[in-house]
Amino acid sequence: MILVFGNREQAMSLWDRVAAVLDTVGLKLAPDKTRVVHIDEGFDFLGFRIKRDTQRGSSKRYIYTYPSRKAVAAIMRKVKEATKQAISGTLADLVKHLNSVLQGWANYFRHAASSATFRYLGHYAWLRVGRWMRRKHPSRSYKWLRRRYTRNGWQPEEDGTALFNPATIKIVRYRYRGSAIPCPWPRPGTTPIQVQLPL
């Protein structure tokens, strides 16, 4: 990913130079995966959606990073597959597996604007575990399942192992460093930052 402060033509002019740099380490630009986009359009990178949006409640615009749709779909698929497995195991084993998956995913995305996604994912995991319990005990009432498998009537737990809620992960945003991004083109009233790219 290369961020530049300039117009589309200026960004496109770097295409061959970037390809030359990558060639020195044995890499090549993939034409189907390489494109030039405006930050307002947004793009996906390493599981994140990076896009400039208007701040809620104001007219100011900032660059935000979110978990991408593909990343959210992938973690939901993992949760669904885990809860569709055989019901012969224990809830504790299921919860331990889900917790490792959910915690790893949430820790990776804790630096993005992920609060709403974390809440949604926690609710989804809770619903999937609830379905798993219903399949394991089809003749039991919901009240019995709550007494048997939940703490405080809500959180699925067995043998001291409770289902992890991604919404409990604290969001720690990265410090804004946009003004420090190198720019080979002059900005009004400033001296351009020199960017050295091997030819």
N, C-alpha and C. Protein backbone atom coordinates (compact mmCIF):
# COMPACT_ATOMS: atom_id res chain seq x y z
N MET A 1 0.85 -1.18 0.00
CA MET A 1 0.00 0.00 0.00
C MET A 1 0.89 1.23 0.00
N ILE A 2 0.61 2.15 -0.89
CA ILE A 2 1.35 3.42 -0.97
C ILE A 2 0.33 4.55 -0.90
N LEU A 3 0.53 5.48 0.01
CA LEU A 3 -0.33 6.64 0.12
C LEU A 3 0.41 7.84 -0.46
N VAL A 4 -0.24 8.57 -1.33
CA VAL A 4 0.37 9.75 -1.92
C VAL A 4 -0.59 10.92 -1.81
N PHE A 5 -0.01 12.13 -1.72
CA PHE A 5 -0.79 13.35 -1.72
C PHE A 5 -0.63 13.97 -3.09
N GLY A 6 -1.58 13.75 -3.96
CA GLY A 6 -1.49 14.26 -5.31
C GLY A 6 -2.72 13.83 -6.10
N ASN A 7 -2.72 14.11 -7.40
CA ASN A 7 -3.86 13.71 -8.22
C ASN A 7 -3.64 12.31 -8.79
N ARG A 8 -4.64 11.83 -9.52
CA ARG A 8 -4.58 10.45 -10.03
C ARG A 8 -3.41 10.24 -11.00
N GLU A 9 -3.16 11.23 -11.84
CA GLU A 9 -2.08 11.10 -12.81
C GLU A 9 -0.73 10.99 -12.11
N GLN A 10 -0.54 11.77 -11.04
CA GLN A 10 0.70 11.69 -10.29
C GLN A 10 0.87 10.33 -9.62
N ALA A 11 -0.24 9.81 -9.10
CA ALA A 11 -0.18 8.49 -8.47
C ALA A 11 0.12 7.41 -9.50
N MET A 12 -0.49 7.51 -10.68
CA MET A 12 -0.25 6.52 -11.72
C MET A 12 1.19 6.57 -12.23
N SER A 13 1.81 7.74 -12.12
CA SER A 13 3.19 7.87 -12.60
C SER A 13 4.17 7.07 -11.73
N LEU A 14 3.76 6.69 -10.55
CA LEU A 14 4.62 5.90 -9.65
C LEU A 14 4.54 4.41 -9.94
N TRP A 15 3.62 4.00 -10.79
CA TRP A 15 3.38 2.57 -11.03
C TRP A 15 4.66 1.83 -11.41
N ASP A 16 5.36 2.33 -12.43
CA ASP A 16 6.57 1.66 -12.90
C ASP A 16 7.68 1.71 -11.86
N ARG A 17 7.77 2.81 -11.12
CA ARG A 17 8.82 2.93 -10.11
C ARG A 17 8.59 1.96 -8.95
N VAL A 18 7.33 1.81 -8.56
CA VAL A 18 7.01 0.85 -7.50
C VAL A 18 7.30 -0.57 -7.97
N ALA A 19 6.94 -0.88 -9.21
CA ALA A 19 7.21 -2.20 -9.76
C ALA A 19 8.71 -2.49 -9.77
N ALA A 20 9.51 -1.46 -10.07
CA ALA A 20 10.97 -1.64 -10.09
C ALA A 20 11.51 -1.92 -8.69
N VAL A 21 10.96 -1.24 -7.68
CA VAL A 21 11.39 -1.47 -6.30
C VAL A 21 11.04 -2.89 -5.87
N LEU A 22 9.83 -3.33 -6.17
CA LEU A 22 9.41 -4.68 -5.77
C LEU A 22 10.22 -5.74 -6.50
N ASP A 23 10.62 -5.45 -7.72
CA ASP A 23 11.39 -6.43 -8.50
C ASP A 23 12.74 -6.74 -7.85
N THR A 24 13.29 -5.77 -7.11
CA THR A 24 14.59 -6.00 -6.46
C THR A 24 14.50 -7.03 -5.34
N VAL A 25 13.29 -7.26 -4.82
CA VAL A 25 13.13 -8.28 -3.76
C VAL A 25 12.33 -9.49 -4.27
N GLY A 26 12.20 -9.59 -5.58
CA GLY A 26 11.55 -10.76 -6.17
C GLY A 26 10.04 -10.73 -6.15
N LEU A 27 9.44 -9.55 -6.04
CA LEU A 27 7.98 -9.44 -6.01
C LEU A 27 7.49 -8.71 -7.25
N LYS A 28 6.23 -8.93 -7.59
CA LYS A 28 5.62 -8.28 -8.74
C LYS A 28 4.25 -7.75 -8.38
N LEU A 29 3.86 -6.65 -9.03
CA LEU A 29 2.51 -6.12 -8.85
C LEU A 29 1.52 -7.04 -9.57
N ALA A 30 0.47 -7.44 -8.86
CA ALA A 30 -0.59 -8.25 -9.48
C ALA A 30 -1.60 -7.29 -10.12
N PRO A 31 -1.76 -7.33 -11.43
CA PRO A 31 -2.66 -6.38 -12.10
C PRO A 31 -4.10 -6.43 -11.58
N ASP A 32 -4.57 -7.63 -11.21
CA ASP A 32 -5.96 -7.75 -10.75
C ASP A 32 -6.14 -7.28 -9.31
N LYS A 33 -5.03 -7.08 -8.59
CA LYS A 33 -5.13 -6.64 -7.18
C LYS A 33 -4.56 -5.25 -6.96
N THR A 34 -3.98 -4.67 -7.98
CA THR A 34 -3.35 -3.36 -7.84
C THR A 34 -4.20 -2.31 -8.52
N ARG A 35 -4.54 -1.27 -7.80
CA ARG A 35 -5.34 -0.20 -8.38
C ARG A 35 -5.09 1.10 -7.65
N VAL A 36 -5.44 2.17 -8.27
CA VAL A 36 -5.31 3.51 -7.69
C VAL A 36 -6.72 3.97 -7.32
N VAL A 37 -6.93 4.30 -6.06
CA VAL A 37 -8.26 4.74 -5.60
C VAL A 37 -8.12 6.01 -4.77
N HIS A 38 -9.18 6.78 -4.75
CA HIS A 38 -9.25 7.95 -3.89
C HIS A 38 -9.60 7.50 -2.49
N ILE A 39 -9.09 8.21 -1.49
CA ILE A 39 -9.32 7.81 -0.10
C ILE A 39 -10.80 7.89 0.28
N ASP A 40 -11.56 8.75 -0.42
CA ASP A 40 -13.00 8.83 -0.15
C ASP A 40 -13.73 7.59 -0.64
N GLU A 41 -13.17 6.93 -1.65
CA GLU A 41 -13.75 5.68 -2.15
C GLU A 41 -13.45 4.53 -1.20
N GLY A 42 -12.26 4.55 -0.63
CA GLY A 42 -11.86 3.52 0.32
C GLY A 42 -11.31 2.28 -0.35
N PHE A 43 -10.59 1.50 0.43
CA PHE A 43 -10.00 0.26 -0.09
C PHE A 43 -9.75 -0.70 1.07
N ASP A 44 -9.62 -1.97 0.73
CA ASP A 44 -9.33 -3.01 1.72
C ASP A 44 -7.85 -3.31 1.73
N PHE A 45 -7.29 -3.48 2.94
CA PHE A 45 -5.87 -3.79 3.07
C PHE A 45 -5.66 -4.59 4.35
N LEU A 46 -5.16 -5.81 4.21
CA LEU A 46 -4.86 -6.70 5.34
C LEU A 46 -6.05 -6.87 6.27
N GLY A 47 -7.23 -7.00 5.69
CA GLY A 47 -8.44 -7.23 6.49
C GLY A 47 -9.13 -5.97 6.96
N PHE A 48 -8.54 -4.81 6.72
CA PHE A 48 -9.13 -3.55 7.14
C PHE A 48 -9.74 -2.82 5.95
N ARG A 49 -10.80 -2.08 6.22
CA ARG A 49 -11.38 -1.16 5.25
C ARG A 49 -10.90 0.23 5.64
N ILE A 50 -10.18 0.91 4.76
CA ILE A 50 -9.63 2.23 5.04
C ILE A 50 -10.36 3.23 4.17
N LYS A 51 -10.96 4.24 4.81
CA LYS A 51 -11.83 5.15 4.07
C LYS A 51 -11.96 6.47 4.84
N ARG A 52 -12.08 7.56 4.10
CA ARG A 52 -12.33 8.85 4.74
C ARG A 52 -13.84 9.06 4.83
N ASP A 53 -14.31 9.30 6.05
CA ASP A 53 -15.73 9.49 6.31
C ASP A 53 -15.94 10.75 7.15
N THR A 54 -17.18 11.21 7.16
CA THR A 54 -17.55 12.33 8.01
C THR A 54 -17.77 11.84 9.44
N GLN A 55 -17.20 12.55 10.38
CA GLN A 55 -17.36 12.18 11.78
C GLN A 55 -18.81 12.33 12.20
N ARG A 56 -19.31 11.35 12.93
CA ARG A 56 -20.70 11.39 13.37
C ARG A 56 -20.94 12.60 14.27
N GLY A 57 -21.96 13.37 13.97
CA GLY A 57 -22.31 14.52 14.79
C GLY A 57 -21.57 15.80 14.42
N SER A 58 -20.75 15.76 13.36
CA SER A 58 -20.05 16.97 12.94
C SER A 58 -19.86 16.93 11.43
N SER A 59 -19.26 17.99 10.92
CA SER A 59 -18.99 18.04 9.48
C SER A 59 -17.53 17.74 9.17
N LYS A 60 -16.74 17.41 10.19
CA LYS A 60 -15.32 17.12 9.98
C LYS A 60 -15.15 15.74 9.36
N ARG A 61 -14.12 15.63 8.53
CA ARG A 61 -13.85 14.37 7.84
C ARG A 61 -12.52 13.81 8.30
N TYR A 62 -12.53 12.52 8.62
CA TYR A 62 -11.33 11.84 9.09
C TYR A 62 -11.16 10.52 8.35
N ILE A 63 -9.95 10.01 8.38
CA ILE A 63 -9.68 8.70 7.78
C ILE A 63 -9.90 7.64 8.86
N TYR A 64 -10.78 6.70 8.58
CA TYR A 64 -11.12 5.64 9.53
C TYR A 64 -10.68 4.29 8.98
N THR A 65 -10.37 3.39 9.88
CA THR A 65 -10.13 2.00 9.51
C THR A 65 -11.18 1.15 10.21
N TYR A 66 -11.79 0.26 9.46
CA TYR A 66 -12.81 -0.65 9.97
C TYR A 66 -12.42 -2.08 9.62
N PRO A 67 -12.95 -3.07 10.33
CA PRO A 67 -12.81 -4.44 9.82
C PRO A 67 -13.56 -4.55 8.50
N SER A 68 -12.93 -5.13 7.50
CA SER A 68 -13.58 -5.23 6.19
C SER A 68 -14.73 -6.23 6.23
N ARG A 69 -15.60 -6.15 5.25
CA ARG A 69 -16.74 -7.06 5.18
C ARG A 69 -16.27 -8.51 5.04
N LYS A 70 -15.19 -8.71 4.27
CA LYS A 70 -14.67 -10.06 4.11
C LYS A 70 -14.14 -10.62 5.42
N ALA A 71 -13.49 -9.76 6.21
CA ALA A 71 -12.95 -10.20 7.50
C ALA A 71 -14.07 -10.57 8.46
N VAL A 72 -15.14 -9.77 8.48
CA VAL A 72 -16.28 -10.06 9.36
C VAL A 72 -16.97 -11.34 8.91
N ALA A 73 -17.15 -11.51 7.61
CA ALA A 73 -17.78 -12.72 7.10
C ALA A 73 -16.95 -13.95 7.43
N ALA A 74 -15.63 -13.82 7.40
CA ALA A 74 -14.75 -14.97 7.69
C ALA A 74 -14.86 -15.40 9.14
N ILE A 75 -14.88 -14.45 10.08
CA ILE A 75 -14.97 -14.82 11.49
C ILE A 75 -16.35 -15.39 11.81
N MET A 76 -17.38 -14.85 11.18
CA MET A 76 -18.73 -15.39 11.40
C MET A 76 -18.83 -16.81 10.86
N ARG A 77 -18.16 -17.06 9.75
CA ARG A 77 -18.15 -18.41 9.19
C ARG A 77 -17.46 -19.39 10.14
N LYS A 78 -16.38 -18.96 10.77
CA LYS A 78 -15.67 -19.82 11.72
C LYS A 78 -16.54 -20.13 12.94
N VAL A 79 -17.24 -19.13 13.44
CA VAL A 79 -18.13 -19.33 14.59
C VAL A 79 -19.25 -20.29 14.20
N LYS A 80 -19.81 -20.11 13.03
CA LYS A 80 -20.90 -20.97 12.59
C LYS A 80 -20.44 -22.41 12.43
N GLU A 81 -19.26 -22.61 11.83
CA GLU A 81 -18.74 -23.97 11.65
C GLU A 81 -18.48 -24.65 12.98
N ALA A 82 -17.95 -23.89 13.94
CA ALA A 82 -17.66 -24.46 15.26
C ALA A 82 -18.93 -24.90 15.98
N THR A 83 -20.00 -24.11 15.83
CA THR A 83 -21.24 -24.43 16.54
C THR A 83 -22.11 -25.43 15.79
N LYS A 84 -21.71 -25.78 14.56
CA LYS A 84 -22.45 -26.81 13.81
C LYS A 84 -21.86 -28.20 14.02
N GLN A 85 -20.75 -28.26 14.76
CA GLN A 85 -20.10 -29.55 15.00
C GLN A 85 -20.96 -30.44 15.87
N ALA A 86 -20.52 -31.67 16.03
CA ALA A 86 -21.28 -32.66 16.80
C ALA A 86 -21.56 -32.14 18.21
N ILE A 87 -22.73 -32.45 18.69
CA ILE A 87 -23.14 -31.97 20.01
C ILE A 87 -22.76 -32.94 21.12
N SER A 88 -21.91 -33.93 20.79
CA SER A 88 -21.50 -34.89 21.81
C SER A 88 -20.49 -34.29 22.78
N GLY A 89 -19.80 -33.21 22.36
CA GLY A 89 -18.83 -32.57 23.24
C GLY A 89 -19.50 -31.73 24.31
N THR A 90 -18.68 -31.12 25.13
CA THR A 90 -19.20 -30.28 26.22
C THR A 90 -19.24 -28.82 25.80
N LEU A 91 -20.05 -28.05 26.51
CA LEU A 91 -20.10 -26.61 26.23
C LEU A 91 -18.75 -25.97 26.55
N ALA A 92 -18.08 -26.45 27.58
CA ALA A 92 -16.78 -25.89 27.95
C ALA A 92 -15.78 -26.03 26.81
N ASP A 93 -15.76 -27.19 26.15
CA ASP A 93 -14.84 -27.38 25.03
C ASP A 93 -15.18 -26.45 23.87
N LEU A 94 -16.48 -26.31 23.58
CA LEU A 94 -16.90 -25.42 22.52
C LEU A 94 -16.52 -23.98 22.82
N VAL A 95 -16.77 -23.56 24.05
CA VAL A 95 -16.48 -22.18 24.44
C VAL A 95 -14.98 -21.89 24.40
N LYS A 96 -14.17 -22.85 24.82
CA LYS A 96 -12.72 -22.65 24.77
C LYS A 96 -12.26 -22.43 23.33
N HIS A 97 -12.79 -23.23 22.44
CA HIS A 97 -12.42 -23.08 21.02
C HIS A 97 -12.88 -21.73 20.48
N LEU A 98 -14.13 -21.37 20.75
CA LEU A 98 -14.65 -20.09 20.27
C LEU A 98 -13.88 -18.92 20.86
N ASN A 99 -13.54 -19.01 22.14
CA ASN A 99 -12.82 -17.91 22.79
C ASN A 99 -11.48 -17.64 22.14
N SER A 100 -10.75 -18.71 21.79
CA SER A 100 -9.45 -18.51 21.16
C SER A 100 -9.61 -17.84 19.80
N VAL A 101 -10.65 -18.22 19.07
CA VAL A 101 -10.88 -17.63 17.75
C VAL A 101 -11.33 -16.17 17.89
N LEU A 102 -12.27 -15.91 18.77
CA LEU A 102 -12.81 -14.56 18.94
C LEU A 102 -11.78 -13.59 19.51
N GLN A 103 -11.01 -14.05 20.50
CA GLN A 103 -10.02 -13.16 21.11
C GLN A 103 -8.93 -12.79 20.13
N GLY A 104 -8.45 -13.76 19.36
CA GLY A 104 -7.42 -13.46 18.37
C GLY A 104 -7.90 -12.46 17.33
N TRP A 105 -9.13 -12.66 16.86
CA TRP A 105 -9.68 -11.76 15.84
C TRP A 105 -9.88 -10.36 16.41
N ALA A 106 -10.44 -10.28 17.62
CA ALA A 106 -10.71 -8.97 18.23
C ALA A 106 -9.41 -8.24 18.56
N ASN A 107 -8.39 -8.94 19.00
CA ASN A 107 -7.11 -8.28 19.29
C ASN A 107 -6.48 -7.71 18.03
N TYR A 108 -6.65 -8.40 16.91
CA TYR A 108 -6.09 -7.92 15.66
C TYR A 108 -6.76 -6.61 15.22
N PHE A 109 -8.08 -6.52 15.43
CA PHE A 109 -8.83 -5.35 14.96
C PHE A 109 -9.10 -4.32 16.05
N ARG A 110 -8.43 -4.42 17.20
CA ARG A 110 -8.72 -3.51 18.30
C ARG A 110 -8.22 -2.09 18.04
N HIS A 111 -7.38 -1.90 17.02
CA HIS A 111 -6.88 -0.56 16.71
C HIS A 111 -7.75 0.16 15.68
N ALA A 112 -8.80 -0.49 15.23
CA ALA A 112 -9.69 0.12 14.23
C ALA A 112 -10.96 0.62 14.91
N ALA A 113 -11.83 1.23 14.11
CA ALA A 113 -13.14 1.66 14.61
C ALA A 113 -14.05 0.43 14.61
N SER A 114 -13.90 -0.40 15.64
CA SER A 114 -14.50 -1.74 15.64
C SER A 114 -15.57 -1.95 16.70
N SER A 115 -15.92 -0.93 17.46
CA SER A 115 -16.85 -1.14 18.58
C SER A 115 -18.17 -1.77 18.14
N ALA A 116 -18.79 -1.21 17.10
CA ALA A 116 -20.07 -1.73 16.63
C ALA A 116 -19.91 -3.16 16.11
N THR A 117 -18.82 -3.42 15.41
CA THR A 117 -18.57 -4.77 14.88
C THR A 117 -18.38 -5.75 16.02
N PHE A 118 -17.65 -5.36 17.05
CA PHE A 118 -17.42 -6.24 18.20
C PHE A 118 -18.74 -6.59 18.91
N ARG A 119 -19.61 -5.59 19.06
CA ARG A 119 -20.91 -5.85 19.70
C ARG A 119 -21.73 -6.82 18.85
N TYR A 120 -21.74 -6.60 17.55
CA TYR A 120 -22.49 -7.47 16.65
C TYR A 120 -21.94 -8.90 16.69
N LEU A 121 -20.62 -9.03 16.66
CA LEU A 121 -20.00 -10.35 16.68
C LEU A 121 -20.28 -11.08 18.00
N GLY A 122 -20.25 -10.35 19.11
CA GLY A 122 -20.56 -10.96 20.41
C GLY A 122 -21.98 -11.49 20.45
N HIS A 123 -22.91 -10.71 19.90
CA HIS A 123 -24.31 -11.14 19.86
C HIS A 123 -24.48 -12.35 18.96
N TYR A 124 -23.78 -12.34 17.82
CA TYR A 124 -23.88 -13.46 16.89
C TYR A 124 -23.35 -14.75 17.53
N ALA A 125 -22.20 -14.67 18.20
CA ALA A 125 -21.63 -15.84 18.86
C ALA A 125 -22.57 -16.37 19.93
N TRP A 126 -23.20 -15.46 20.67
CA TRP A 126 -24.14 -15.85 21.72
C TRP A 126 -25.34 -16.61 21.11
N LEU A 127 -25.86 -16.11 19.99
CA LEU A 127 -26.98 -16.78 19.34
C LEU A 127 -26.59 -18.17 18.83
N ARG A 128 -25.38 -18.29 18.26
CA ARG A 128 -24.93 -19.58 17.74
C ARG A 128 -24.73 -20.59 18.86
N VAL A 129 -24.20 -20.16 19.99
CA VAL A 129 -24.03 -21.07 21.14
C VAL A 129 -25.40 -21.46 21.67
N GLY A 130 -26.34 -20.53 21.67
CA GLY A 130 -27.70 -20.85 22.10
C GLY A 130 -28.34 -21.92 21.23
N ARG A 131 -28.12 -21.83 19.92
CA ARG A 131 -28.64 -22.86 19.02
C ARG A 131 -27.97 -24.21 19.28
N TRP A 132 -26.68 -24.17 19.56
CA TRP A 132 -25.95 -25.41 19.86
C TRP A 132 -26.55 -26.07 21.11
N MET A 133 -26.86 -25.28 22.13
CA MET A 133 -27.44 -25.84 23.35
C MET A 133 -28.83 -26.42 23.08
N ARG A 134 -29.59 -25.75 22.24
CA ARG A 134 -30.93 -26.26 21.92
C ARG A 134 -30.85 -27.59 21.17
N ARG A 135 -29.86 -27.73 20.29
CA ARG A 135 -29.70 -29.01 19.58
C ARG A 135 -29.22 -30.11 20.51
N LYS A 136 -28.42 -29.74 21.49
CA LYS A 136 -27.90 -30.73 22.43
C LYS A 136 -29.00 -31.23 23.37
N HIS A 137 -29.92 -30.35 23.72
CA HIS A 137 -31.01 -30.71 24.64
C HIS A 137 -32.34 -30.29 24.02
N PRO A 138 -32.81 -30.97 22.97
CA PRO A 138 -34.03 -30.54 22.26
C PRO A 138 -35.30 -30.61 23.11
N SER A 139 -35.32 -31.46 24.11
CA SER A 139 -36.55 -31.61 24.91
C SER A 139 -36.57 -30.72 26.15
N ARG A 140 -35.50 -30.01 26.40
CA ARG A 140 -35.43 -29.15 27.58
C ARG A 140 -35.95 -27.75 27.27
N SER A 141 -36.48 -27.10 28.30
CA SER A 141 -37.01 -25.76 28.14
C SER A 141 -35.88 -24.73 28.16
N TYR A 142 -36.19 -23.54 27.67
CA TYR A 142 -35.20 -22.47 27.67
C TYR A 142 -34.82 -22.11 29.10
N LYS A 143 -35.77 -22.18 30.01
CA LYS A 143 -35.50 -21.87 31.42
C LYS A 143 -34.49 -22.85 32.00
N TRP A 144 -34.62 -24.13 31.65
CA TRP A 144 -33.67 -25.14 32.14
C TRP A 144 -32.28 -24.89 31.57
N LEU A 145 -32.22 -24.54 30.29
CA LEU A 145 -30.93 -24.26 29.66
C LEU A 145 -30.24 -23.06 30.32
N ARG A 146 -31.02 -22.06 30.68
CA ARG A 146 -30.44 -20.90 31.35
C ARG A 146 -29.86 -21.29 32.70
N ARG A 147 -30.60 -22.10 33.45
CA ARG A 147 -30.10 -22.54 34.76
C ARG A 147 -28.86 -23.42 34.61
N ARG A 148 -28.83 -24.25 33.59
CA ARG A 148 -27.76 -25.23 33.43
C ARG A 148 -26.50 -24.63 32.81
N TYR A 149 -26.67 -23.72 31.87
CA TYR A 149 -25.53 -23.31 31.05
C TYR A 149 -25.18 -21.82 31.08
N THR A 150 -25.86 -21.02 31.86
CA THR A 150 -25.54 -19.59 31.80
C THR A 150 -25.20 -19.03 33.18
N ARG A 151 -24.44 -17.95 33.14
CA ARG A 151 -24.13 -17.20 34.36
C ARG A 151 -24.93 -15.91 34.31
N ASN A 152 -25.58 -15.58 35.39
CA ASN A 152 -26.43 -14.39 35.47
C ASN A 152 -27.57 -14.44 34.46
N GLY A 153 -27.93 -15.66 34.04
CA GLY A 153 -29.05 -15.82 33.12
C GLY A 153 -28.76 -15.39 31.70
N TRP A 154 -27.50 -15.06 31.39
CA TRP A 154 -27.20 -14.57 30.05
C TRP A 154 -25.95 -15.20 29.44
N GLN A 155 -24.82 -15.13 30.14
CA GLN A 155 -23.54 -15.53 29.55
C GLN A 155 -23.35 -17.04 29.59
N PRO A 156 -23.20 -17.70 28.44
CA PRO A 156 -22.96 -19.15 28.41
C PRO A 156 -21.67 -19.50 29.14
N GLU A 157 -21.76 -20.48 30.05
CA GLU A 157 -20.59 -20.85 30.84
C GLU A 157 -20.74 -22.29 31.31
N GLU A 158 -19.62 -22.98 31.38
CA GLU A 158 -19.59 -24.33 31.95
C GLU A 158 -18.20 -24.57 32.54
N ASP A 159 -18.17 -25.13 33.74
CA ASP A 159 -16.91 -25.44 34.44
C ASP A 159 -16.00 -24.22 34.54
N GLY A 160 -16.61 -23.06 34.77
CA GLY A 160 -15.82 -21.84 34.94
C GLY A 160 -15.32 -21.21 33.64
N THR A 161 -15.68 -21.78 32.51
CA THR A 161 -15.27 -21.23 31.21
C THR A 161 -16.46 -20.54 30.57
N ALA A 162 -16.38 -19.20 30.47
CA ALA A 162 -17.49 -18.41 29.93
C ALA A 162 -17.18 -17.96 28.51
N LEU A 163 -18.22 -17.78 27.73
CA LEU A 163 -18.07 -17.31 26.36
C LEU A 163 -17.52 -15.89 26.35
N PHE A 164 -16.49 -15.67 25.56
CA PHE A 164 -15.85 -14.36 25.47
C PHE A 164 -16.71 -13.40 24.66
N ASN A 165 -16.84 -12.19 25.16
CA ASN A 165 -17.59 -11.16 24.45
C ASN A 165 -16.61 -10.17 23.84
N PRO A 166 -16.48 -10.11 22.51
CA PRO A 166 -15.53 -9.19 21.88
C PRO A 166 -15.75 -7.73 22.25
N ALA A 167 -16.97 -7.37 22.65
CA ALA A 167 -17.26 -5.98 22.99
C ALA A 167 -16.49 -5.52 24.23
N THR A 168 -15.92 -6.45 24.98
CA THR A 168 -15.14 -6.08 26.17
C THR A 168 -13.72 -5.65 25.82
N ILE A 169 -13.31 -5.85 24.57
CA ILE A 169 -11.97 -5.44 24.15
C ILE A 169 -11.92 -3.92 24.04
N LYS A 170 -10.92 -3.31 24.66
CA LYS A 170 -10.79 -1.86 24.61
C LYS A 170 -10.19 -1.45 23.26
N ILE A 171 -10.82 -0.47 22.63
CA ILE A 171 -10.32 0.04 21.37
C ILE A 171 -9.18 1.02 21.65
N VAL A 172 -8.03 0.77 21.05
CA VAL A 172 -6.86 1.64 21.21
C VAL A 172 -6.47 2.14 19.83
N ARG A 173 -6.88 3.36 19.51
CA ARG A 173 -6.65 3.89 18.18
C ARG A 173 -5.20 4.31 17.99
N TYR A 174 -4.68 4.12 16.78
CA TYR A 174 -3.35 4.57 16.44
C TYR A 174 -3.33 6.10 16.35
N ARG A 175 -2.18 6.67 16.69
CA ARG A 175 -2.02 8.12 16.59
C ARG A 175 -2.00 8.53 15.12
N TYR A 176 -2.66 9.64 14.82
CA TYR A 176 -2.72 10.15 13.44
C TYR A 176 -1.33 10.61 13.01
N ARG A 177 -0.89 10.13 11.85
CA ARG A 177 0.43 10.50 11.34
C ARG A 177 0.34 10.94 9.88
N GLY A 178 -0.82 11.40 9.46
CA GLY A 178 -1.02 11.74 8.07
C GLY A 178 -0.08 12.82 7.56
N SER A 179 0.25 13.82 8.40
CA SER A 179 1.12 14.90 7.96
C SER A 179 2.56 14.43 7.79
N ALA A 180 2.89 13.24 8.29
CA ALA A 180 4.25 12.73 8.18
C ALA A 180 4.44 11.82 6.97
N ILE A 181 3.38 11.61 6.19
CA ILE A 181 3.48 10.76 5.00
C ILE A 181 4.32 11.49 3.95
N PRO A 182 5.37 10.85 3.43
CA PRO A 182 6.22 11.51 2.43
C PRO A 182 5.42 11.91 1.20
N CYS A 183 5.75 13.07 0.66
CA CYS A 183 5.06 13.58 -0.53
C CYS A 183 6.09 14.12 -1.51
N PRO A 184 6.19 13.54 -2.71
CA PRO A 184 7.18 14.03 -3.68
C PRO A 184 6.74 15.27 -4.45
N TRP A 185 5.48 15.71 -4.26
CA TRP A 185 4.99 16.87 -5.00
C TRP A 185 4.82 18.05 -4.06
N PRO A 186 5.06 19.24 -4.54
CA PRO A 186 4.97 20.41 -3.65
C PRO A 186 3.53 20.71 -3.26
N ARG A 187 3.37 21.04 -1.97
CA ARG A 187 2.08 21.51 -1.48
C ARG A 187 2.17 23.03 -1.38
N PRO A 188 1.07 23.70 -1.49
CA PRO A 188 1.11 25.18 -1.41
C PRO A 188 1.71 25.63 -0.09
N GLY A 189 2.76 26.43 -0.18
CA GLY A 189 3.37 27.00 1.02
C GLY A 189 4.30 26.07 1.77
N THR A 190 4.65 24.91 1.20
CA THR A 190 5.53 23.98 1.89
C THR A 190 6.64 23.52 0.95
N THR A 191 7.67 22.96 1.56
CA THR A 191 8.75 22.36 0.79
C THR A 191 8.47 20.89 0.63
N PRO A 192 8.55 20.34 -0.59
CA PRO A 192 8.24 18.92 -0.76
C PRO A 192 9.22 18.03 -0.03
N ILE A 193 8.72 16.91 0.51
CA ILE A 193 9.55 15.91 1.16
C ILE A 193 10.11 15.01 0.09
N GLN A 194 11.40 14.81 0.12
CA GLN A 194 12.04 13.98 -0.89
C GLN A 194 11.81 12.49 -0.60
N VAL A 195 11.38 11.77 -1.61
CA VAL A 195 11.16 10.33 -1.49
C VAL A 195 12.16 9.64 -2.40
N GLN A 196 13.00 8.79 -1.83
CA GLN A 196 14.03 8.11 -2.61
C GLN A 196 13.51 6.73 -3.02
N LEU A 197 13.32 6.55 -4.31
CA LEU A 197 12.93 5.25 -4.85
C LEU A 197 14.01 4.83 -5.84
N PRO A 198 14.60 3.64 -5.68
CA PRO A 198 15.62 3.22 -6.63
C PRO A 198 15.03 3.08 -8.03
N LEU A 199 15.82 3.41 -9.02
CA LEU A 199 15.36 3.32 -10.40
C LEU A 199 15.78 2.02 -11.03
